[in-house]
Amino acid sequence: MKRFLLTIATLAAALLCYAQTQQSKMPENIAYFEFNYNVVHPEGRSYNHNPTFFIYPDAKVDEAGAKALIEKFDMRDVIKDNHISIYVINPVGEKYDKAADFEGFKEVFNRARSGNLKVIGIGNGATFINTVLAPTDAAGHIAGILTVEGKPGKAPAQSWGVPAYVAGKNADKSAKSYIAMNKAVKDGDRYVNPDEELLAVVVDENTNATLAEIFDKAWNEILVKNLRFNNYKHTHYEGAKYGQYGPYELEPYTVHEALGIKREIVTLEQRIGLPWLWYEYWPEELIEGASERSVPVMVLLHGNTNDPRTQAETSGFIQVAGKERFFVVEMEWQGSKNYGVMGFDGVEQVIAILLAKYPQLDPSRVYAQGLSAGSITATALGIRKSYVFAAVGGNCGGIYSGSRTGRFSNYDFLWADATQKRGAVEMPYCSMLGTADMVVPFYTPDNYKGNSYLNAWNTYQQMNGMEVTSELDFSIDPLFGLELADRETIQTNKGEGIKIETGFFYKDEKPLIKVIAVVDYGHWNFMPAAQMMWDYFKMFSRDTQTRKLIYHGK
């Protein structure tokens, strides 16, 4: 538990130190560097997956020229709203050189440690991107490309693809290699990969457009749509060097407005102590248009010391809400310098406030999910506040025991609660984890006793009146060491093809526990799991009179 707390708690401090380190060790070909990071501002977006811009000019510029180029793009509002950091990168020599500048790219990439890298080029800088970066495995490290008036490159035989906005003179010719790399087909005014809509190409042949006009369209049509970050065989915030863990995962960058979702920031003053803070996310047509008690409620809980928008912006649940139209609330539940700790009772109180405030919300379909410490808390809430929720779950956290018991849960107390309720209370539980997580580790045949995930599954088996599987046999299943029903291996298109291993524990006909293991994945959200978790949650509701669980079937 100590490592878990230190690892997450020091993340913000590490990022701030990183900015100073970058400034003091900047390579000579960096004409300008700007780091933007605001962890405490409640407006706008969180610092999670904040973009980084690498800008390659047509020819060498000094610091004044670099700043002038940024102003021509008129990107200041975008920079501020999204905590964007910027590198204006000159050629290493007098002119761009394929080998030297590719090595220069890798050096700056390793320093930037960005999981949401946008590469922008003009003229010769665009040619460097088109002909050197895009056709190599660098494409799998870049979240989006904007090139203006560059010469065309040649598509390689194999590529991870990269979203691209190609503008200005020769745009139609330069776009061909991106279309080929992305295996994209014509889809309205863009080209899109049929199996991955984020792999898109937009061609802008308007040679009279200003850089500001081009950037505005490129940002809204390509660059803001997605991110890349790498959580394969490590945890992304631990850092990685170029090529160390293969291609980066391509995921959507959360822009709730684009999904037709309205966000409201709410603070509640307390009679004693600091105020509470939470974020409400409403599909716009449901605010006035939904009938009474018709809208499910998804409660999200961020990780230890994380920004309170972390789960909304990185879990995938806002994207799912945009499709399936439910209400989402994420709370600053554990307290910070400016906001108070809610605790289990406070979380319940906020839910009660929301149900009274919005008659559209359905009290029979309230669900909770969290990341890391938020997962540990959601897991505990399902036991302690079982009458509130229809199902709970979490990413990368279970129930700690013994010397690893922390302030978020207590195995002995939760086991006692589950034992008292055994068979009388049923609570569906969904556990998502990464098998390469070193912060909240998954178990092995040698150390499964007391593992937090197995503790959580066992505690829910106990409360649900199921057989408790405390002894494992890895001849039954080499990954889980126990028998799961409906066992399935799912091959995704993320990274080099990340696999998911999943299955259920049943009680009679009810799948009361679902397990989602992302193979070789570190400590963080895996965004495709949000839809999987929601598909599981929505099979259940809770009778608001008897508080009995209702199973609606698959």
Protein backbone atom coordinates (compact mmCIF):
# COMPACT_ATOMS: atom_id res chain seq x y z
CA MET A 1 0.00 0.00 0.00
CA LYS A 2 2.87 2.35 0.77
CA ARG A 3 4.25 2.11 -2.75
CA PHE A 4 0.76 2.61 -4.18
CA LEU A 5 0.27 5.83 -2.20
CA LEU A 6 3.72 7.21 -2.96
CA THR A 7 3.60 6.36 -6.66
CA ILE A 8 0.33 8.16 -7.32
CA ALA A 9 0.79 10.97 -4.81
CA THR A 10 4.13 12.05 -6.27
CA LEU A 11 2.93 12.13 -9.88
CA ALA A 12 1.98 15.83 -9.88
CA ALA A 13 5.24 16.86 -8.21
CA ALA A 14 7.21 14.77 -10.70
CA LEU A 15 5.53 16.53 -13.62
CA LEU A 16 6.37 19.94 -12.23
CA CYS A 17 10.01 18.93 -11.67
CA TYR A 18 10.03 17.57 -15.19
CA ALA A 19 9.35 21.03 -16.62
CA GLN A 20 12.38 22.48 -14.86
CA THR A 21 14.54 19.56 -16.00
CA GLN A 22 13.48 20.02 -19.61
CA GLN A 23 14.29 23.71 -19.54
CA SER A 24 17.79 23.19 -18.15
CA LYS A 25 18.81 20.37 -20.53
CA MET A 26 17.23 21.52 -23.77
CA PRO A 27 19.02 20.48 -27.00
CA GLU A 28 20.46 23.31 -29.09
CA ASN A 29 18.00 22.76 -31.93
CA ILE A 30 15.04 23.62 -29.70
CA ALA A 31 14.19 27.19 -30.65
CA TYR A 32 11.47 27.53 -28.01
CA PHE A 33 9.91 25.45 -25.24
CA GLU A 34 6.77 26.19 -23.26
CA PHE A 35 5.32 24.01 -20.49
CA ASN A 36 1.69 24.52 -19.45
CA TYR A 37 0.35 22.71 -16.42
CA ASN A 38 -2.35 23.70 -13.94
CA VAL A 39 -3.39 21.02 -11.50
CA VAL A 40 -5.68 23.05 -9.23
CA HIS A 41 -7.86 25.05 -11.62
CA PRO A 42 -11.37 23.52 -11.50
CA GLU A 43 -12.45 24.96 -14.86
CA GLY A 44 -11.48 23.61 -18.27
CA ARG A 45 -9.95 20.17 -18.64
CA SER A 46 -7.69 18.19 -16.40
CA TYR A 47 -3.96 17.75 -16.93
CA ASN A 48 -4.48 14.08 -17.83
CA HIS A 49 -3.13 13.27 -21.30
CA ASN A 50 -2.44 16.95 -21.94
CA PRO A 51 -1.22 17.35 -25.54
CA THR A 52 2.31 18.25 -26.57
CA PHE A 53 3.06 20.05 -29.84
CA PHE A 54 6.26 19.49 -31.81
CA ILE A 55 6.36 22.29 -34.42
CA TYR A 56 8.83 21.99 -37.30
CA PRO A 57 9.26 25.33 -39.15
CA ASP A 58 10.14 25.76 -42.81
CA ALA A 59 13.64 26.96 -41.88
CA LYS A 60 15.60 27.70 -38.72
CA VAL A 61 14.07 30.29 -36.39
CA ASP A 62 15.28 31.97 -33.22
CA GLU A 63 13.14 32.26 -30.08
CA ALA A 64 11.41 35.39 -31.36
CA GLY A 65 10.68 33.70 -34.68
CA ALA A 66 9.33 30.63 -32.89
CA LYS A 67 6.96 32.74 -30.79
CA ALA A 68 5.85 34.63 -33.90
CA LEU A 69 5.09 31.31 -35.62
CA ILE A 70 2.95 30.19 -32.70
CA GLU A 71 1.06 33.47 -32.87
CA LYS A 72 0.40 32.93 -36.60
CA PHE A 73 -1.35 29.69 -35.71
CA ASP A 74 -3.53 31.61 -33.20
CA MET A 75 -3.53 28.61 -30.86
CA ARG A 76 -3.35 30.38 -27.48
CA ASP A 77 -6.89 29.50 -26.37
CA VAL A 78 -6.36 25.85 -27.31
CA ILE A 79 -3.05 25.83 -25.42
CA LYS A 80 -4.63 27.28 -22.28
CA ASP A 81 -7.73 25.07 -22.26
CA ASN A 82 -5.79 21.85 -22.79
CA HIS A 83 -2.57 22.45 -20.80
CA ILE A 84 -0.57 22.07 -24.03
CA SER A 85 3.23 22.12 -23.99
CA ILE A 86 5.11 23.28 -27.10
CA TYR A 87 8.49 22.58 -28.65
CA VAL A 88 9.51 24.52 -31.75
CA ILE A 89 12.22 22.28 -33.23
CA ASN A 90 14.77 23.52 -35.75
CA PRO A 91 16.70 21.21 -38.08
CA VAL A 92 19.85 19.91 -36.38
CA GLY A 93 22.01 21.28 -39.21
CA GLU A 94 21.44 24.20 -41.50
CA LYS A 95 18.81 22.19 -43.38
CA TYR A 96 16.69 19.14 -42.55
CA ASP A 97 18.62 15.90 -42.73
CA LYS A 98 16.70 12.63 -42.62
CA ALA A 99 19.00 10.69 -40.30
CA ALA A 100 20.12 13.53 -38.03
CA ASP A 101 16.69 15.03 -37.55
CA PHE A 102 15.06 11.65 -36.98
CA GLU A 103 17.55 11.10 -34.15
CA GLY A 104 16.75 14.62 -32.97
CA PHE A 105 13.05 13.76 -32.93
CA LYS A 106 13.68 10.69 -30.81
CA GLU A 107 15.82 12.67 -28.36
CA VAL A 108 13.13 15.31 -27.82
CA PHE A 109 10.43 12.62 -27.72
CA ASN A 110 12.25 10.90 -24.87
CA ARG A 111 12.51 14.18 -22.99
CA ALA A 112 8.90 15.19 -23.57
CA ARG A 113 7.46 11.85 -22.36
CA SER A 114 4.16 12.81 -23.97
CA GLY A 115 1.35 10.37 -24.53
CA ASN A 116 -0.56 12.84 -26.67
CA LEU A 117 1.95 14.13 -29.19
CA LYS A 118 0.80 16.33 -32.08
CA VAL A 119 3.40 17.02 -34.78
CA ILE A 120 3.02 20.12 -36.94
CA GLY A 121 5.16 21.06 -39.93
CA ILE A 122 5.34 23.89 -42.47
CA GLY A 123 7.15 23.74 -45.81
CA ASN A 124 10.42 21.89 -45.33
CA GLY A 125 9.30 20.96 -41.82
CA ALA A 126 6.17 19.39 -43.33
CA THR A 127 8.32 17.52 -45.83
CA PHE A 128 10.42 16.12 -42.98
CA ILE A 129 7.26 14.84 -41.29
CA ASN A 130 5.75 13.45 -44.51
CA THR A 131 8.89 11.70 -45.71
CA VAL A 132 10.71 10.72 -42.49
CA LEU A 133 8.45 10.54 -39.43
CA ALA A 134 5.14 9.33 -40.86
CA PRO A 135 6.53 6.38 -42.89
CA THR A 136 8.48 4.96 -39.92
CA ASP A 137 7.45 3.44 -36.60
CA ALA A 138 7.31 7.02 -35.30
CA ALA A 139 3.74 7.00 -36.63
CA GLY A 140 2.83 4.66 -33.76
CA HIS A 141 4.10 7.23 -31.26
CA ILE A 142 2.28 10.27 -32.72
CA ALA A 143 -1.35 11.11 -31.92
CA GLY A 144 -1.88 13.48 -34.84
CA ILE A 145 -0.13 15.26 -37.68
CA LEU A 146 -0.72 18.62 -39.36
CA THR A 147 1.40 19.41 -42.41
CA VAL A 148 1.19 22.52 -44.57
CA GLU A 149 2.72 22.68 -48.06
CA GLY A 150 5.08 19.77 -47.67
CA LYS A 151 6.33 17.37 -50.32
CA PRO A 152 4.67 13.95 -50.32
CA GLY A 153 6.14 10.90 -48.66
CA LYS A 154 5.85 7.24 -49.56
CA ALA A 155 3.69 4.87 -47.58
CA PRO A 156 5.57 1.89 -46.09
CA ALA A 157 4.41 -1.68 -46.63
CA GLN A 158 3.25 -1.83 -42.99
CA SER A 159 2.29 1.01 -40.65
CA TRP A 160 0.43 1.60 -37.40
CA GLY A 161 -1.15 4.60 -39.11
CA VAL A 162 -1.52 8.13 -37.78
CA PRO A 163 -4.41 10.65 -37.90
CA ALA A 164 -3.46 13.48 -40.27
CA TYR A 165 -4.64 16.84 -41.58
CA VAL A 166 -2.83 17.70 -44.82
CA ALA A 167 -3.18 21.27 -46.06
CA GLY A 168 -2.05 23.73 -48.72
CA LYS A 169 -0.15 23.18 -51.95
CA ASN A 170 0.28 19.49 -52.89
CA ALA A 171 -2.16 18.47 -50.13
CA ASP A 172 -3.89 15.93 -52.37
CA LYS A 173 -0.56 14.29 -53.28
CA SER A 174 0.81 14.33 -49.72
CA ALA A 175 -2.41 12.87 -48.33
CA LYS A 176 -2.15 9.71 -50.45
CA SER A 177 0.54 8.15 -48.28
CA TYR A 178 -1.46 8.87 -45.10
CA ILE A 179 -4.59 7.37 -46.62
CA ALA A 180 -2.62 4.25 -47.53
CA MET A 181 -0.92 4.00 -44.12
CA ASN A 182 -4.26 4.32 -42.33
CA LYS A 183 -6.01 1.87 -44.67
CA ALA A 184 -8.64 4.57 -44.92
CA VAL A 185 -11.56 4.87 -47.31
CA LYS A 186 -13.61 7.85 -48.39
CA ASP A 187 -16.21 8.80 -45.78
CA GLY A 188 -17.89 12.09 -46.59
CA ASP A 189 -15.31 14.87 -46.47
CA ARG A 190 -12.61 12.68 -44.90
CA TYR A 191 -10.93 9.29 -45.18
CA VAL A 192 -11.44 6.83 -42.31
CA ASN A 193 -10.24 3.34 -41.42
CA PRO A 194 -13.42 1.20 -41.26
CA ASP A 195 -12.16 -0.64 -38.14
CA GLU A 196 -10.75 2.38 -36.28
CA GLU A 197 -12.53 5.68 -36.81
CA LEU A 198 -9.70 7.60 -35.11
CA LEU A 199 -7.38 6.72 -38.02
CA ALA A 200 -8.69 9.53 -40.20
CA VAL A 201 -7.23 11.82 -42.88
CA VAL A 202 -8.57 15.23 -43.90
CA VAL A 203 -7.32 16.92 -47.07
CA ASP A 204 -7.47 20.73 -47.21
CA GLU A 205 -6.50 22.06 -50.68
CA ASN A 206 -7.31 25.70 -49.90
CA THR A 207 -4.05 27.47 -50.74
CA ASN A 208 -5.40 30.85 -49.58
CA ALA A 209 -6.12 29.86 -45.99
CA THR A 210 -4.08 31.45 -43.19
CA LEU A 211 -2.17 29.31 -40.70
CA ALA A 212 -4.74 30.29 -38.07
CA GLU A 213 -7.61 29.07 -40.26
CA ILE A 214 -5.77 25.84 -41.07
CA PHE A 215 -4.93 25.15 -37.44
CA ASP A 216 -8.49 25.83 -36.29
CA LYS A 217 -9.86 23.25 -38.73
CA ALA A 218 -7.07 20.77 -38.07
CA TRP A 219 -7.57 20.99 -34.31
CA ASN A 220 -11.32 20.47 -34.46
CA GLU A 221 -11.36 17.82 -37.21
CA ILE A 222 -8.27 15.74 -36.34
CA LEU A 223 -5.92 16.83 -33.56
CA VAL A 224 -8.46 17.08 -30.70
CA LYS A 225 -10.12 13.78 -31.52
CA ASN A 226 -7.61 11.37 -30.09
CA LEU A 227 -4.53 10.73 -28.00
CA ARG A 228 -1.81 8.10 -27.90
CA PHE A 229 -0.36 6.79 -24.68
CA ASN A 230 1.52 3.65 -23.84
CA ASN A 231 0.53 1.49 -20.88
CA TYR A 232 1.85 -1.79 -22.26
CA LYS A 233 4.19 -3.78 -19.96
CA HIS A 234 4.54 -0.72 -17.70
CA THR A 235 2.47 2.20 -16.42
CA HIS A 236 2.43 5.22 -18.70
CA TYR A 237 3.37 7.88 -16.14
CA GLU A 238 6.55 5.97 -15.29
CA GLY A 239 7.87 7.09 -18.67
CA ALA A 240 9.23 5.22 -21.66
CA LYS A 241 11.85 5.77 -24.33
CA TYR A 242 11.11 5.78 -28.03
CA GLY A 243 10.27 2.27 -29.20
CA GLN A 244 10.73 0.70 -25.77
CA TYR A 245 7.23 -0.78 -25.52
CA GLY A 246 6.10 -0.79 -29.13
CA PRO A 247 3.41 1.41 -30.67
CA TYR A 248 1.31 3.60 -28.42
CA GLU A 249 -2.39 2.93 -27.94
CA LEU A 250 -4.76 5.10 -29.94
CA GLU A 251 -7.70 6.30 -27.83
CA PRO A 252 -10.28 9.10 -27.99
CA TYR A 253 -9.43 12.39 -26.29
CA THR A 254 -12.46 13.29 -24.21
CA VAL A 255 -14.28 16.41 -25.38
CA HIS A 256 -17.66 16.20 -23.70
CA GLU A 257 -19.13 19.06 -25.73
CA ALA A 258 -18.49 17.19 -28.98
CA LEU A 259 -20.40 14.22 -27.57
CA GLY A 260 -23.48 16.34 -26.89
CA ILE A 261 -22.80 16.32 -23.16
CA LYS A 262 -23.08 19.35 -20.90
CA ARG A 263 -20.82 19.60 -17.87
CA GLU A 264 -21.66 21.47 -14.67
CA ILE A 265 -19.22 22.14 -11.83
CA VAL A 266 -20.85 22.05 -8.40
CA THR A 267 -19.52 23.01 -4.98
CA LEU A 268 -21.42 22.46 -1.75
CA GLU A 269 -20.42 24.49 1.31
CA GLN A 270 -20.13 22.50 4.52
CA ARG A 271 -21.12 23.87 7.92
CA ILE A 272 -17.78 22.67 9.25
CA GLY A 273 -14.80 22.07 7.01
CA LEU A 274 -13.96 22.53 3.35
CA PRO A 275 -16.62 22.49 0.59
CA TRP A 276 -17.32 19.44 -1.54
CA LEU A 277 -16.76 19.48 -5.31
CA TRP A 278 -18.27 17.36 -8.05
CA TYR A 279 -18.70 17.40 -11.83
CA GLU A 280 -22.04 16.57 -13.45
CA TYR A 281 -22.20 15.35 -17.07
CA TRP A 282 -25.60 15.47 -18.74
CA PRO A 283 -26.51 14.32 -22.28
CA GLU A 284 -28.07 17.61 -23.31
CA GLU A 285 -31.42 16.32 -24.58
CA LEU A 286 -32.05 14.51 -21.29
CA ILE A 287 -31.81 17.60 -19.07
CA GLU A 288 -35.32 18.73 -19.96
CA GLY A 289 -36.53 15.94 -22.21
CA ALA A 290 -36.20 12.79 -20.09
CA SER A 291 -39.18 11.43 -18.23
CA GLU A 292 -39.18 10.97 -14.48
CA ARG A 293 -36.89 8.24 -13.13
CA SER A 294 -35.69 7.20 -16.59
CA VAL A 295 -31.98 8.11 -16.59
CA PRO A 296 -29.34 5.80 -15.04
CA VAL A 297 -26.63 7.31 -12.81
CA MET A 298 -22.93 6.47 -13.16
CA VAL A 299 -20.75 7.54 -10.20
CA LEU A 300 -17.04 7.86 -11.00
CA LEU A 301 -14.29 8.05 -8.37
CA HIS A 302 -10.78 9.24 -9.30
CA GLY A 303 -7.54 7.72 -8.04
CA ASN A 304 -5.39 8.80 -5.12
CA THR A 305 -4.61 12.55 -5.39
CA ASN A 306 -5.74 12.55 -9.04
CA ASP A 307 -7.53 15.49 -10.61
CA PRO A 308 -11.28 15.04 -9.94
CA ARG A 309 -11.94 14.94 -13.70
CA THR A 310 -9.63 11.96 -14.19
CA GLN A 311 -12.25 9.24 -14.57
CA ALA A 312 -14.58 11.33 -16.69
CA GLU A 313 -11.77 12.20 -19.10
CA THR A 314 -9.71 8.99 -19.18
CA SER A 315 -11.95 6.01 -18.34
CA GLY A 316 -14.09 5.99 -21.50
CA PHE A 317 -17.35 6.37 -19.57
CA ILE A 318 -18.13 9.80 -21.03
CA GLN A 319 -17.86 8.30 -24.51
CA VAL A 320 -20.18 5.48 -23.44
CA ALA A 321 -22.60 7.98 -21.90
CA GLY A 322 -22.56 9.85 -25.20
CA LYS A 323 -23.73 6.68 -26.96
CA GLU A 324 -26.09 5.23 -24.36
CA ARG A 325 -27.29 8.48 -22.79
CA PHE A 326 -26.92 8.24 -19.04
CA PHE A 327 -25.94 10.74 -16.34
CA VAL A 328 -22.38 10.79 -14.97
CA VAL A 329 -21.07 12.38 -11.80
CA GLU A 330 -17.42 12.43 -10.73
CA MET A 331 -16.65 13.57 -7.21
CA GLU A 332 -13.60 15.02 -5.46
CA TRP A 333 -14.31 12.37 -2.87
CA GLN A 334 -11.07 12.06 -0.91
CA GLY A 335 -10.33 15.73 -0.27
CA SER A 336 -7.56 18.11 -1.34
CA LYS A 337 -6.09 21.45 -0.31
CA ASN A 338 -9.29 23.19 -1.42
CA TYR A 339 -12.01 20.55 -0.96
CA GLY A 340 -13.12 18.28 1.85
CA VAL A 341 -13.16 14.52 2.25
CA MET A 342 -16.60 13.00 1.59
CA GLY A 343 -16.14 9.49 2.91
CA PHE A 344 -18.71 6.77 2.28
CA ASP A 345 -21.51 8.80 3.87
CA GLY A 346 -20.61 11.87 1.85
CA VAL A 347 -20.73 9.96 -1.43
CA GLU A 348 -24.17 8.69 -0.47
CA GLN A 349 -25.24 12.21 0.48
CA VAL A 350 -24.19 13.61 -2.90
CA ILE A 351 -26.18 10.85 -4.64
CA ALA A 352 -29.22 11.76 -2.51
CA ILE A 353 -28.78 15.43 -3.46
CA LEU A 354 -28.64 14.54 -7.15
CA LEU A 355 -31.73 12.30 -7.00
CA ALA A 356 -33.66 15.11 -5.32
CA LYS A 357 -32.32 17.77 -7.68
CA TYR A 358 -33.07 15.85 -10.88
CA PRO A 359 -36.34 13.87 -10.94
CA GLN A 360 -35.20 12.36 -14.28
CA LEU A 361 -32.60 10.23 -12.49
CA ASP A 362 -33.50 6.63 -11.75
CA PRO A 363 -32.72 5.61 -8.14
CA SER A 364 -33.03 1.94 -9.11
CA ARG A 365 -30.08 2.24 -11.51
CA VAL A 366 -27.23 3.89 -9.63
CA TYR A 367 -23.77 2.43 -10.35
CA ALA A 368 -20.27 3.23 -9.09
CA GLN A 369 -16.84 2.75 -10.63
CA GLY A 370 -13.36 4.08 -9.89
CA LEU A 371 -9.66 3.99 -10.67
CA SER A 372 -7.03 2.72 -8.24
CA ALA A 373 -7.95 4.23 -4.85
CA GLY A 374 -11.31 5.08 -6.43
CA SER A 375 -11.71 1.43 -7.37
CA ILE A 376 -10.89 0.40 -3.82
CA THR A 377 -13.52 2.84 -2.55
CA ALA A 378 -16.16 1.78 -5.10
CA THR A 379 -15.51 -1.82 -4.08
CA ALA A 380 -16.08 -0.92 -0.43
CA LEU A 381 -19.18 1.16 -1.25
CA GLY A 382 -20.84 -1.85 -2.86
CA ILE A 383 -20.61 -3.63 0.49
CA ARG A 384 -21.10 -0.78 2.94
CA LYS A 385 -23.80 1.03 0.93
CA SER A 386 -25.30 -1.98 -0.84
CA TYR A 387 -28.82 -0.53 -0.73
CA VAL A 388 -27.73 2.48 -2.85
CA PHE A 389 -26.20 0.76 -5.86
CA ALA A 390 -27.39 -1.70 -8.48
CA ALA A 391 -23.81 -2.70 -9.36
CA VAL A 392 -20.26 -1.51 -8.67
CA GLY A 393 -16.79 -2.06 -10.09
CA GLY A 394 -13.41 -0.59 -10.63
CA ASN A 395 -10.13 -0.45 -12.50
CA CYS A 396 -6.87 -1.45 -10.80
CA GLY A 397 -7.97 -1.82 -7.21
CA GLY A 398 -9.64 -4.35 -4.89
CA ILE A 399 -9.49 -4.79 -1.10
CA TYR A 400 -6.19 -4.69 0.78
CA SER A 401 -5.61 -6.82 3.85
CA GLY A 402 -3.17 -7.12 6.72
CA SER A 403 -0.36 -4.60 6.83
CA ARG A 404 -1.44 -3.23 3.44
CA THR A 405 -4.80 -2.05 4.72
CA GLY A 406 -5.09 1.65 3.98
CA ARG A 407 -7.49 4.48 4.56
CA PHE A 408 -9.67 3.53 1.58
CA SER A 409 -10.85 0.12 2.79
CA ASN A 410 -10.33 -2.49 5.50
CA TYR A 411 -10.54 -6.13 4.56
CA ASP A 412 -11.49 -7.40 8.04
CA PHE A 413 -14.35 -4.93 8.43
CA LEU A 414 -15.64 -5.45 4.89
CA TRP A 415 -15.47 -9.23 5.29
CA ALA A 416 -17.47 -8.94 8.53
CA ASP A 417 -20.06 -6.78 6.77
CA ALA A 418 -20.26 -9.24 3.86
CA THR A 419 -20.59 -12.17 6.27
CA GLN A 420 -23.49 -10.55 8.12
CA LYS A 421 -25.27 -9.93 4.79
CA ARG A 422 -24.37 -13.29 3.24
CA GLY A 423 -27.13 -14.50 0.96
CA ALA A 424 -29.49 -11.70 2.02
CA VAL A 425 -27.84 -9.05 -0.17
CA GLU A 426 -26.72 -9.49 -3.77
CA MET A 427 -24.38 -7.00 -5.43
CA PRO A 428 -22.95 -7.39 -8.95
CA TYR A 429 -19.24 -6.58 -9.07
CA CYS A 430 -16.99 -5.94 -12.09
CA SER A 431 -13.22 -6.08 -11.60
CA MET A 432 -10.89 -4.73 -14.29
CA LEU A 433 -7.12 -5.06 -13.86
CA GLY A 434 -3.84 -5.01 -15.75
CA THR A 435 -1.63 -8.06 -15.36
CA ALA A 436 1.53 -5.90 -15.57
CA ASP A 437 0.34 -3.49 -12.87
CA MET A 438 3.15 -2.95 -10.35
CA VAL A 439 1.21 -0.41 -8.23
CA VAL A 440 -1.72 -2.68 -7.33
CA PRO A 441 -0.27 -5.99 -8.54
CA PHE A 442 -2.18 -8.94 -9.91
CA TYR A 443 -1.37 -12.27 -8.31
CA THR A 444 0.86 -15.16 -9.37
CA PRO A 445 0.81 -18.82 -8.30
CA ASP A 446 3.36 -17.94 -5.61
CA ASN A 447 1.71 -14.90 -4.01
CA TYR A 448 -2.05 -15.02 -4.47
CA LYS A 449 -2.81 -15.23 -0.75
CA GLY A 450 -4.01 -11.82 0.41
CA ASN A 451 -3.96 -10.31 -3.08
CA SER A 452 -6.31 -7.34 -3.23
CA TYR A 453 -8.19 -8.56 -6.33
CA LEU A 454 -8.77 -12.05 -4.96
CA ASN A 455 -9.80 -10.48 -1.63
CA ALA A 456 -12.43 -8.43 -3.47
CA TRP A 457 -13.79 -11.38 -5.44
CA ASN A 458 -13.92 -13.52 -2.29
CA THR A 459 -15.68 -10.79 -0.30
CA TYR A 460 -18.34 -10.41 -2.99
CA GLN A 461 -18.71 -14.17 -3.19
CA GLN A 462 -19.27 -14.15 0.57
CA MET A 463 -21.90 -11.39 0.52
CA ASN A 464 -23.65 -12.81 -2.53
CA GLY A 465 -24.03 -16.22 -0.88
CA MET A 466 -21.69 -17.94 -3.35
CA GLU A 467 -18.95 -20.48 -2.87
CA VAL A 468 -15.77 -18.65 -1.82
CA THR A 469 -12.83 -19.59 -4.06
CA SER A 470 -9.91 -18.85 -1.76
CA GLU A 471 -7.62 -21.70 -2.91
CA LEU A 472 -6.36 -21.51 -6.48
CA ASP A 473 -5.31 -24.20 -8.92
CA PHE A 474 -3.42 -22.86 -11.93
CA SER A 475 -3.83 -26.11 -13.82
CA ILE A 476 -7.47 -25.08 -14.19
CA ASP A 477 -6.61 -21.69 -15.67
CA PRO A 478 -2.96 -20.57 -15.99
CA LEU A 479 -3.90 -16.89 -15.61
CA PHE A 480 -6.64 -16.84 -12.96
CA GLY A 481 -6.09 -20.17 -11.18
CA LEU A 482 -9.82 -20.76 -10.92
CA GLU A 483 -12.74 -21.62 -13.13
CA LEU A 484 -14.60 -18.72 -14.70
CA ALA A 485 -17.79 -19.21 -16.66
CA ASP A 486 -18.18 -17.87 -20.21
CA ARG A 487 -14.39 -17.63 -20.42
CA GLU A 488 -13.31 -15.50 -23.38
CA THR A 489 -10.14 -14.08 -24.93
CA ILE A 490 -10.69 -10.81 -26.78
CA GLN A 491 -8.11 -9.49 -29.25
CA THR A 492 -8.18 -5.69 -29.49
CA ASN A 493 -6.68 -3.32 -32.06
CA LYS A 494 -4.90 -1.30 -29.37
CA GLY A 495 -1.11 -1.08 -29.46
CA GLU A 496 0.34 -4.23 -30.98
CA GLY A 497 -2.88 -6.05 -30.24
CA ILE A 498 -3.58 -5.96 -26.51
CA LYS A 499 -5.55 -8.98 -25.29
CA ILE A 500 -8.36 -9.12 -22.74
CA GLU A 501 -9.10 -12.24 -20.70
CA THR A 502 -12.56 -12.25 -19.19
CA GLY A 503 -15.16 -14.42 -17.49
CA PHE A 504 -17.83 -14.61 -14.79
CA PHE A 505 -18.71 -16.11 -11.43
CA TYR A 506 -22.37 -17.16 -11.45
CA LYS A 507 -24.89 -17.66 -8.69
CA ASP A 508 -27.54 -19.84 -10.27
CA GLU A 509 -28.43 -17.93 -13.46
CA LYS A 510 -27.01 -14.57 -12.30
CA PRO A 511 -23.50 -13.49 -13.38
CA LEU A 512 -22.79 -11.67 -10.11
CA ILE A 513 -19.04 -11.14 -10.62
CA LYS A 514 -17.30 -10.21 -13.86
CA VAL A 515 -13.51 -10.18 -14.26
CA ILE A 516 -11.71 -8.26 -17.01
CA ALA A 517 -7.92 -8.81 -17.14
CA VAL A 518 -5.97 -6.74 -19.67
CA VAL A 519 -2.86 -8.76 -20.44
CA ASP A 520 0.54 -7.05 -19.98
CA TYR A 521 -1.20 -3.78 -19.08
CA GLY A 522 -0.08 -1.36 -16.37
CA HIS A 523 -1.86 0.69 -13.73
CA TRP A 524 -4.48 2.82 -15.45
CA ASN A 525 -7.82 2.81 -17.21
CA PHE A 526 -8.24 0.72 -20.35
CA MET A 527 -10.85 2.73 -22.22
CA PRO A 528 -12.49 -0.15 -24.17
CA ALA A 529 -13.30 -1.75 -20.80
CA ALA A 530 -15.76 1.07 -20.03
CA GLN A 531 -18.25 -0.26 -22.59
CA MET A 532 -17.70 -3.80 -21.31
CA MET A 533 -18.34 -2.68 -17.74
CA TRP A 534 -21.43 -0.68 -18.70
CA ASP A 535 -22.86 -3.61 -20.67
CA TYR A 536 -22.50 -5.62 -17.47
CA PHE A 537 -23.92 -2.97 -15.14
CA LYS A 538 -27.05 -2.34 -17.17
CA MET A 539 -28.17 -5.94 -16.73
CA PHE A 540 -29.05 -5.03 -13.13
CA SER A 541 -31.28 -2.68 -11.19
CA ARG A 542 -32.39 -2.52 -7.55
CA ASP A 543 -35.97 -2.39 -6.28
CA THR A 544 -36.25 0.94 -4.47
CA GLN A 545 -38.77 -0.44 -1.96
CA THR A 546 -37.40 -3.87 -1.05
CA ARG A 547 -33.78 -3.08 -2.10
CA LYS A 548 -33.62 -6.50 -3.73
CA LEU A 549 -31.45 -6.96 -6.82
CA ILE A 550 -33.26 -7.34 -10.14
CA TYR A 551 -31.47 -9.21 -12.93
CA HIS A 552 -32.72 -8.38 -16.42
CA GLY A 553 -30.66 -10.98 -18.31
CA LYS A 554 -27.91 -10.57 -20.86
